[in-house]
């Protein structure tokens, strides 16, 4: 069964940096599940999966714009340290999560004071040429409810 729009796709992955070192993987965890063709996955990954079959393993190195985005110079903001999620003692270079109106956003601490921190709002992997090793482990036609909701339900997907 070839992957196409309106299918729930499950896959395993490893993410490697420019040196070939694994920096992220779902090894030992449930596969990632998403509703194909509904903007639920990075465009570079979704494009690479499109038309593939269950059981296929492949490697893809999408352009940064099609994964975590291009790096935007000067993308700094000052935020109250009480809005930073992850630890209590912040230092420059540390990754943090900030809750925004659009959901959680991963940021990097640039400078921190007693009450305020300056953060880089670029994703920490923005602008980098990353390689994904992907194994498609499952695919099925999405239910009408999943299509209406715009996301996959069940294992690896969204839970209501």
N, C-alpha and C. Protein backbone atom coordinates (compact mmCIF):
# COMPACT_ATOMS: atom_id res chain seq x y z
N UNK A 1 0.85 -1.18 0.00
CA UNK A 1 0.00 0.00 0.00
C UNK A 1 0.89 1.24 0.00
N UNK A 2 0.82 2.02 -1.06
CA UNK A 2 1.63 3.23 -1.17
C UNK A 2 1.01 4.36 -0.36
N UNK A 3 1.87 5.14 0.28
CA UNK A 3 1.42 6.25 1.12
C UNK A 3 0.86 7.36 0.25
N UNK A 4 -0.34 7.83 0.65
CA UNK A 4 -0.97 8.95 -0.05
C UNK A 4 -1.78 9.76 0.96
N UNK A 5 -2.30 10.89 0.52
CA UNK A 5 -3.09 11.75 1.40
C UNK A 5 -4.23 10.99 2.05
N UNK A 6 -4.61 11.43 3.24
CA UNK A 6 -5.71 10.86 4.02
C UNK A 6 -5.40 9.46 4.54
N UNK A 7 -4.13 9.17 4.75
CA UNK A 7 -3.71 7.92 5.38
C UNK A 7 -3.02 8.25 6.69
N UNK A 8 -3.19 7.36 7.68
CA UNK A 8 -2.42 7.46 8.92
C UNK A 8 -1.16 6.64 8.70
N UNK A 9 -0.02 7.31 8.85
CA UNK A 9 1.28 6.69 8.61
C UNK A 9 2.01 6.56 9.94
N UNK A 10 2.65 5.41 10.15
CA UNK A 10 3.49 5.21 11.32
C UNK A 10 4.91 4.93 10.85
N UNK A 11 5.87 5.61 11.50
CA UNK A 11 7.26 5.39 11.11
C UNK A 11 8.19 5.53 12.31
N UNK A 12 9.35 4.88 12.18
CA UNK A 12 10.44 5.03 13.13
C UNK A 12 11.49 5.89 12.45
N UNK A 13 12.30 6.59 13.26
CA UNK A 13 13.30 7.47 12.65
C UNK A 13 14.51 7.63 13.56
N UNK A 14 15.60 7.99 12.93
CA UNK A 14 16.78 8.51 13.62
C UNK A 14 17.16 9.79 12.89
N UNK A 15 17.57 10.78 13.65
CA UNK A 15 17.96 12.07 13.10
C UNK A 15 19.46 12.24 13.34
N UNK A 16 20.20 12.49 12.25
CA UNK A 16 21.65 12.65 12.35
C UNK A 16 22.07 14.06 11.97
N UNK A 17 23.09 14.55 12.64
CA UNK A 17 23.60 15.89 12.34
C UNK A 17 24.57 15.85 11.16
N UNK A 18 25.20 16.98 10.90
CA UNK A 18 26.10 17.10 9.75
C UNK A 18 27.31 16.17 9.84
N UNK A 19 27.65 15.74 11.04
CA UNK A 19 28.79 14.84 11.25
C UNK A 19 28.36 13.37 11.22
N UNK A 20 27.06 13.13 11.05
CA UNK A 20 26.55 11.76 11.01
C UNK A 20 26.22 11.18 12.38
N UNK A 21 26.31 12.00 13.42
CA UNK A 21 26.00 11.54 14.78
C UNK A 21 24.51 11.60 15.03
N UNK A 22 23.96 10.54 15.64
CA UNK A 22 22.53 10.50 15.95
C UNK A 22 22.27 11.49 17.09
N UNK A 23 21.34 12.44 16.83
CA UNK A 23 21.00 13.42 17.85
C UNK A 23 19.57 13.24 18.37
N UNK A 24 18.80 12.39 17.70
CA UNK A 24 17.43 12.13 18.14
C UNK A 24 16.97 10.84 17.48
N UNK A 25 16.15 10.07 18.20
CA UNK A 25 15.63 8.82 17.66
C UNK A 25 14.42 8.41 18.49
N UNK A 26 13.51 7.67 17.89
CA UNK A 26 12.40 7.13 18.66
C UNK A 26 12.65 5.66 19.00
N UNK A 27 13.89 5.21 18.87
CA UNK A 27 14.23 3.82 19.18
C UNK A 27 13.77 3.46 20.59
N UNK A 28 13.10 2.33 20.71
CA UNK A 28 12.59 1.88 22.00
C UNK A 28 11.26 2.51 22.39
N UNK A 29 10.71 3.34 21.52
CA UNK A 29 9.42 3.98 21.78
C UNK A 29 8.45 3.64 20.66
N UNK A 30 7.20 4.03 20.84
CA UNK A 30 6.19 3.80 19.80
C UNK A 30 6.57 4.55 18.53
N UNK A 31 6.15 4.04 17.39
CA UNK A 31 6.38 4.77 16.14
C UNK A 31 5.65 6.12 16.17
N UNK A 32 6.14 7.05 15.38
CA UNK A 32 5.46 8.33 15.19
C UNK A 32 4.27 8.06 14.26
N UNK A 33 3.12 8.63 14.58
CA UNK A 33 1.93 8.48 13.73
C UNK A 33 1.43 9.86 13.35
N UNK A 34 1.06 10.02 12.09
CA UNK A 34 0.51 11.30 11.64
C UNK A 34 -0.44 11.07 10.48
N UNK A 35 -1.30 12.06 10.24
CA UNK A 35 -2.25 12.03 9.13
C UNK A 35 -1.58 12.68 7.92
N UNK A 36 -1.29 11.86 6.92
CA UNK A 36 -0.54 12.31 5.74
C UNK A 36 -1.38 13.27 4.90
N UNK A 37 -0.73 14.36 4.46
CA UNK A 37 -1.39 15.32 3.58
C UNK A 37 -2.17 16.39 4.30
N UNK A 38 -1.99 16.51 5.63
CA UNK A 38 -2.75 17.48 6.41
C UNK A 38 -1.85 18.42 7.20
N UNK A 39 -0.62 18.65 6.71
CA UNK A 39 0.32 19.58 7.34
C UNK A 39 0.63 19.22 8.79
N UNK A 40 0.70 17.93 9.08
CA UNK A 40 1.03 17.46 10.43
C UNK A 40 2.48 17.01 10.56
N UNK A 41 3.23 17.11 9.50
CA UNK A 41 4.60 16.63 9.48
C UNK A 41 5.45 17.66 8.74
N UNK A 42 6.75 17.70 9.05
CA UNK A 42 7.66 18.59 8.33
C UNK A 42 7.52 18.31 6.83
N UNK A 43 7.42 19.35 6.01
CA UNK A 43 7.24 19.13 4.57
C UNK A 43 8.31 18.23 3.95
N UNK A 44 9.55 18.38 4.33
CA UNK A 44 10.62 17.56 3.76
C UNK A 44 10.48 16.08 4.08
N UNK A 45 9.92 15.78 5.24
CA UNK A 45 9.71 14.38 5.63
C UNK A 45 8.46 13.83 4.94
N UNK A 46 7.38 14.61 4.97
CA UNK A 46 6.15 14.16 4.32
C UNK A 46 6.35 13.93 2.82
N UNK A 47 7.07 14.84 2.17
CA UNK A 47 7.35 14.67 0.73
C UNK A 47 8.15 13.39 0.48
N UNK A 48 9.11 13.10 1.36
CA UNK A 48 9.94 11.91 1.19
C UNK A 48 9.15 10.62 1.41
N UNK A 49 8.17 10.66 2.31
CA UNK A 49 7.35 9.49 2.61
C UNK A 49 6.29 9.24 1.54
N UNK A 50 5.83 10.30 0.90
CA UNK A 50 4.76 10.19 -0.09
C UNK A 50 5.12 9.15 -1.17
N UNK A 51 4.22 8.21 -1.40
CA UNK A 51 4.42 7.20 -2.44
C UNK A 51 5.21 5.99 -1.99
N UNK A 52 5.80 6.04 -0.80
CA UNK A 52 6.56 4.89 -0.28
C UNK A 52 5.58 3.83 0.22
N UNK A 53 6.11 2.63 0.49
CA UNK A 53 5.31 1.51 0.97
C UNK A 53 5.70 1.11 2.38
N UNK A 54 4.77 0.49 3.09
CA UNK A 54 5.07 -0.04 4.43
C UNK A 54 6.23 -1.02 4.30
N UNK A 55 7.17 -0.92 5.23
CA UNK A 55 8.34 -1.78 5.22
C UNK A 55 9.56 -1.12 4.59
N UNK A 56 9.35 -0.04 3.85
CA UNK A 56 10.49 0.64 3.21
C UNK A 56 11.32 1.36 4.26
N UNK A 57 12.64 1.30 4.05
CA UNK A 57 13.61 2.05 4.83
C UNK A 57 14.35 2.94 3.86
N UNK A 58 14.56 4.20 4.25
CA UNK A 58 15.26 5.13 3.37
C UNK A 58 15.88 6.25 4.18
N UNK A 59 16.75 6.98 3.54
CA UNK A 59 17.44 8.12 4.15
C UNK A 59 17.15 9.35 3.31
N UNK A 60 16.90 10.46 3.98
CA UNK A 60 16.61 11.72 3.29
C UNK A 60 17.28 12.87 4.04
N UNK A 61 17.79 13.83 3.28
CA UNK A 61 18.38 15.04 3.85
C UNK A 61 17.67 16.24 3.24
N UNK A 62 16.52 16.62 3.82
CA UNK A 62 15.76 17.75 3.27
C UNK A 62 16.49 19.09 3.52
N UNK A 63 16.12 20.08 2.74
CA UNK A 63 16.63 21.44 2.96
C UNK A 63 16.16 21.93 4.33
N UNK A 64 16.96 22.73 5.03
CA UNK A 64 16.55 23.25 6.33
C UNK A 64 15.17 23.92 6.32
N UNK A 65 14.83 24.61 5.23
CA UNK A 65 13.53 25.27 5.14
C UNK A 65 12.38 24.26 5.22
N UNK A 66 12.64 23.00 4.89
CA UNK A 66 11.61 21.96 4.88
C UNK A 66 11.63 21.08 6.13
N UNK A 67 12.43 21.48 7.12
CA UNK A 67 12.44 20.74 8.40
C UNK A 67 12.18 21.72 9.54
N UNK A 68 13.24 22.21 10.17
CA UNK A 68 13.08 23.11 11.32
C UNK A 68 13.15 24.58 10.93
N UNK A 69 13.23 24.86 9.64
CA UNK A 69 13.24 26.23 9.15
C UNK A 69 14.63 26.81 9.02
N UNK A 70 14.72 27.88 8.26
CA UNK A 70 15.98 28.61 8.14
C UNK A 70 16.21 29.39 9.42
N UNK A 71 17.45 29.60 9.75
CA UNK A 71 17.80 30.38 10.92
C UNK A 71 17.55 31.86 10.64
N UNK A 72 16.83 32.53 11.52
CA UNK A 72 16.52 33.95 11.39
C UNK A 72 17.42 34.73 12.35
N UNK A 73 18.36 35.48 11.79
CA UNK A 73 19.27 36.26 12.63
C UNK A 73 18.48 37.35 13.37
N UNK A 74 18.87 37.59 14.60
CA UNK A 74 18.22 38.62 15.41
C UNK A 74 16.87 38.22 15.96
N UNK A 75 16.54 36.93 15.92
CA UNK A 75 15.25 36.46 16.42
C UNK A 75 15.35 36.25 17.93
N UNK A 76 15.46 37.36 18.64
CA UNK A 76 15.61 37.32 20.09
C UNK A 76 14.41 38.00 20.74
N UNK A 77 14.06 37.49 21.91
CA UNK A 77 12.97 38.10 22.68
C UNK A 77 13.35 38.05 24.15
N UNK A 78 12.82 39.01 24.89
CA UNK A 78 12.99 38.99 26.34
C UNK A 78 11.71 38.42 26.93
N UNK A 79 11.88 37.46 27.82
CA UNK A 79 10.72 36.84 28.47
C UNK A 79 10.99 36.73 29.97
N UNK A 80 9.93 36.70 30.71
CA UNK A 80 10.05 36.50 32.16
C UNK A 80 10.53 35.08 32.42
N UNK A 81 11.49 34.94 33.35
CA UNK A 81 12.01 33.60 33.64
C UNK A 81 10.92 32.67 34.18
N UNK A 82 9.85 33.24 34.75
CA UNK A 82 8.77 32.38 35.26
C UNK A 82 8.03 31.66 34.13
N UNK A 83 8.20 32.13 32.87
CA UNK A 83 7.56 31.48 31.72
C UNK A 83 8.44 30.41 31.08
N UNK A 84 9.67 30.26 31.54
CA UNK A 84 10.58 29.25 31.00
C UNK A 84 10.33 27.91 31.69
N UNK A 85 10.19 26.86 30.88
CA UNK A 85 9.92 25.52 31.40
C UNK A 85 11.14 24.64 31.16
N UNK A 86 11.54 23.90 32.18
CA UNK A 86 12.65 22.95 31.99
C UNK A 86 13.54 22.81 33.20
N UNK A 87 13.83 23.91 33.91
CA UNK A 87 14.67 23.86 35.10
C UNK A 87 14.44 25.14 35.89
N UNK A 88 15.12 25.29 37.00
CA UNK A 88 15.01 26.52 37.79
C UNK A 88 16.24 27.41 37.63
N UNK A 89 17.40 26.82 37.35
CA UNK A 89 18.65 27.57 37.22
C UNK A 89 19.07 27.61 35.76
N UNK A 90 18.87 28.77 35.11
CA UNK A 90 19.13 28.90 33.68
C UNK A 90 20.51 29.46 33.42
N UNK A 91 21.14 28.97 32.34
CA UNK A 91 22.45 29.45 31.91
C UNK A 91 22.42 29.62 30.39
N UNK A 92 23.22 30.55 29.86
CA UNK A 92 23.28 30.73 28.40
C UNK A 92 23.61 29.41 27.69
N UNK A 93 22.92 29.19 26.56
CA UNK A 93 23.13 27.97 25.78
C UNK A 93 22.14 26.86 26.10
N UNK A 94 21.46 26.97 27.23
CA UNK A 94 20.49 25.93 27.61
C UNK A 94 19.22 26.04 26.76
N UNK A 95 18.60 24.90 26.50
CA UNK A 95 17.32 24.87 25.80
C UNK A 95 16.20 25.00 26.84
N UNK A 96 15.17 25.72 26.46
CA UNK A 96 14.00 25.90 27.32
C UNK A 96 12.75 25.79 26.47
N UNK A 97 11.63 25.65 27.13
CA UNK A 97 10.33 25.65 26.46
C UNK A 97 9.55 26.84 27.01
N UNK A 98 8.90 27.57 26.12
CA UNK A 98 8.04 28.68 26.49
C UNK A 98 6.64 28.37 25.98
N UNK A 99 5.65 28.55 26.83
CA UNK A 99 4.26 28.36 26.42
C UNK A 99 3.77 29.66 25.78
N UNK A 100 3.27 29.56 24.54
CA UNK A 100 2.78 30.72 23.80
C UNK A 100 1.32 30.51 23.42
N UNK A 101 0.73 31.52 22.81
CA UNK A 101 -0.64 31.40 22.33
C UNK A 101 -0.77 30.33 21.25
N UNK A 102 0.33 30.04 20.54
CA UNK A 102 0.33 29.03 19.48
C UNK A 102 0.84 27.67 19.99
N UNK A 103 0.98 27.51 21.28
CA UNK A 103 1.47 26.26 21.86
C UNK A 103 2.89 26.41 22.35
N UNK A 104 3.52 25.30 22.67
CA UNK A 104 4.88 25.34 23.21
C UNK A 104 5.89 25.65 22.11
N UNK A 105 6.93 26.39 22.49
CA UNK A 105 8.00 26.74 21.56
C UNK A 105 9.33 26.50 22.25
N UNK A 106 10.21 25.80 21.56
CA UNK A 106 11.54 25.55 22.10
C UNK A 106 12.43 26.75 21.78
N UNK A 107 13.15 27.25 22.79
CA UNK A 107 14.03 28.40 22.63
C UNK A 107 15.39 28.08 23.25
N UNK A 108 16.36 28.94 22.98
CA UNK A 108 17.69 28.79 23.57
C UNK A 108 17.99 30.04 24.38
N UNK A 109 18.48 29.85 25.60
CA UNK A 109 18.81 30.96 26.48
C UNK A 109 20.07 31.65 25.97
N UNK A 110 20.00 32.98 25.81
CA UNK A 110 21.16 33.77 25.41
C UNK A 110 21.76 34.46 26.64
N UNK A 111 20.89 35.11 27.42
CA UNK A 111 21.33 35.84 28.60
C UNK A 111 20.22 35.73 29.63
N UNK A 112 20.59 35.60 30.89
CA UNK A 112 19.57 35.46 31.93
C UNK A 112 19.89 36.35 33.12
N UNK A 113 18.85 37.02 33.60
CA UNK A 113 18.95 37.85 34.80
C UNK A 113 18.06 37.25 35.87
N UNK A 114 17.83 38.01 36.92
CA UNK A 114 17.03 37.51 38.04
C UNK A 114 15.57 37.30 37.64
N UNK A 115 15.03 38.22 36.83
CA UNK A 115 13.61 38.14 36.49
C UNK A 115 13.34 37.94 35.00
N UNK A 116 14.29 38.35 34.15
CA UNK A 116 14.07 38.29 32.71
C UNK A 116 15.20 37.51 32.03
N UNK A 117 14.87 36.91 30.89
CA UNK A 117 15.87 36.20 30.09
C UNK A 117 15.73 36.65 28.64
N UNK A 118 16.86 36.70 27.95
CA UNK A 118 16.86 36.94 26.51
C UNK A 118 17.00 35.57 25.86
N UNK A 119 16.08 35.25 24.96
CA UNK A 119 16.08 33.93 24.32
C UNK A 119 16.13 34.07 22.81
N UNK A 120 16.72 33.08 22.19
CA UNK A 120 16.73 32.95 20.73
C UNK A 120 15.52 32.10 20.38
N UNK A 121 14.59 32.65 19.61
CA UNK A 121 13.35 31.93 19.30
C UNK A 121 13.47 31.00 18.10
N UNK A 122 14.64 30.97 17.45
CA UNK A 122 14.86 29.96 16.42
C UNK A 122 14.82 28.58 17.07
N UNK A 123 14.28 27.60 16.37
CA UNK A 123 14.39 26.24 16.87
C UNK A 123 15.87 25.90 16.94
N UNK A 124 16.31 25.17 17.96
CA UNK A 124 17.74 24.84 18.07
C UNK A 124 18.33 24.14 16.85
N UNK A 125 17.50 23.48 16.05
CA UNK A 125 18.00 22.79 14.86
C UNK A 125 17.75 23.57 13.57
N UNK A 126 17.26 24.80 13.70
CA UNK A 126 16.99 25.63 12.51
C UNK A 126 18.28 25.90 11.74
N UNK A 127 18.16 25.85 10.41
CA UNK A 127 19.27 26.18 9.54
C UNK A 127 20.29 25.07 9.35
N UNK A 128 20.06 23.94 9.99
CA UNK A 128 21.04 22.85 9.90
C UNK A 128 20.62 21.83 8.85
N UNK A 129 21.62 21.24 8.20
CA UNK A 129 21.38 20.19 7.21
C UNK A 129 21.38 18.86 7.96
N UNK A 130 20.19 18.32 8.17
CA UNK A 130 20.01 17.12 8.98
C UNK A 130 19.56 15.95 8.11
N UNK A 131 19.97 14.77 8.52
CA UNK A 131 19.64 13.56 7.77
C UNK A 131 18.72 12.69 8.61
N UNK A 132 17.65 12.23 8.00
CA UNK A 132 16.67 11.38 8.66
C UNK A 132 16.74 9.98 8.07
N UNK A 133 16.90 8.98 8.94
CA UNK A 133 16.78 7.57 8.55
C UNK A 133 15.39 7.15 8.96
N UNK A 134 14.59 6.74 8.00
CA UNK A 134 13.17 6.47 8.24
C UNK A 134 12.82 5.04 7.84
N UNK A 135 11.99 4.41 8.67
CA UNK A 135 11.41 3.11 8.36
C UNK A 135 9.90 3.22 8.51
N UNK A 136 9.17 3.00 7.43
CA UNK A 136 7.71 3.05 7.49
C UNK A 136 7.23 1.71 8.03
N UNK A 137 6.55 1.74 9.17
CA UNK A 137 6.14 0.50 9.82
C UNK A 137 4.64 0.24 9.77
N UNK A 138 3.87 1.23 9.33
CA UNK A 138 2.43 1.02 9.23
C UNK A 138 1.76 2.12 8.44
N UNK A 139 0.64 1.78 7.83
CA UNK A 139 -0.18 2.76 7.11
C UNK A 139 -1.57 2.18 6.96
N UNK A 140 -2.54 3.05 7.09
CA UNK A 140 -3.94 2.65 6.92
C UNK A 140 -4.73 3.87 6.46
N UNK A 141 -5.88 3.61 5.86
CA UNK A 141 -6.75 4.72 5.51
C UNK A 141 -7.25 5.38 6.79
N UNK A 142 -7.26 6.69 6.80
CA UNK A 142 -7.73 7.42 7.97
C UNK A 142 -9.25 7.29 8.08
N UNK A 143 -9.74 7.36 9.31
CA UNK A 143 -11.20 7.35 9.52
C UNK A 143 -11.76 8.72 9.15
N UNK A 144 -13.06 8.78 8.93
CA UNK A 144 -13.71 10.06 8.64
C UNK A 144 -13.48 11.04 9.79
N UNK A 145 -13.50 10.53 11.03
CA UNK A 145 -13.29 11.37 12.20
C UNK A 145 -11.87 11.96 12.21
N UNK A 146 -10.88 11.14 11.88
CA UNK A 146 -9.50 11.63 11.84
C UNK A 146 -9.34 12.71 10.77
N UNK A 147 -9.95 12.50 9.62
CA UNK A 147 -9.87 13.50 8.55
C UNK A 147 -10.57 14.79 8.99
N UNK A 148 -11.73 14.67 9.62
CA UNK A 148 -12.46 15.84 10.10
C UNK A 148 -11.66 16.59 11.16
N UNK A 149 -10.98 15.86 12.04
CA UNK A 149 -10.19 16.48 13.11
C UNK A 149 -8.83 16.96 12.61
N UNK A 150 -8.36 16.41 11.48
CA UNK A 150 -7.10 16.83 10.90
C UNK A 150 -5.87 16.21 11.51
N UNK A 151 -6.06 15.07 12.25
CA UNK A 151 -4.91 14.40 12.85
C UNK A 151 -5.22 12.92 13.12
N UNK A 152 -4.15 12.14 13.30
CA UNK A 152 -4.30 10.72 13.59
C UNK A 152 -4.72 10.51 15.04
N UNK A 153 -5.52 9.48 15.27
CA UNK A 153 -5.90 9.07 16.61
C UNK A 153 -5.21 7.75 16.94
N UNK A 154 -5.19 7.39 18.21
CA UNK A 154 -4.65 6.09 18.60
C UNK A 154 -3.17 6.13 18.89
N UNK A 155 -2.55 4.95 18.92
CA UNK A 155 -1.13 4.82 19.28
C UNK A 155 -0.25 5.71 18.41
N UNK A 156 0.54 6.55 19.05
CA UNK A 156 1.45 7.43 18.35
C UNK A 156 0.81 8.69 17.81
N UNK A 157 -0.52 8.76 17.88
CA UNK A 157 -1.25 9.93 17.38
C UNK A 157 -1.84 10.74 18.52
N UNK A 158 -2.89 11.49 18.23
CA UNK A 158 -3.53 12.39 19.18
C UNK A 158 -4.55 11.62 20.02
N UNK A 159 -4.62 11.96 21.29
CA UNK A 159 -5.61 11.35 22.19
C UNK A 159 -6.54 12.44 22.69
N UNK A 160 -7.86 12.19 22.59
CA UNK A 160 -8.83 13.19 23.07
C UNK A 160 -9.21 12.91 24.50
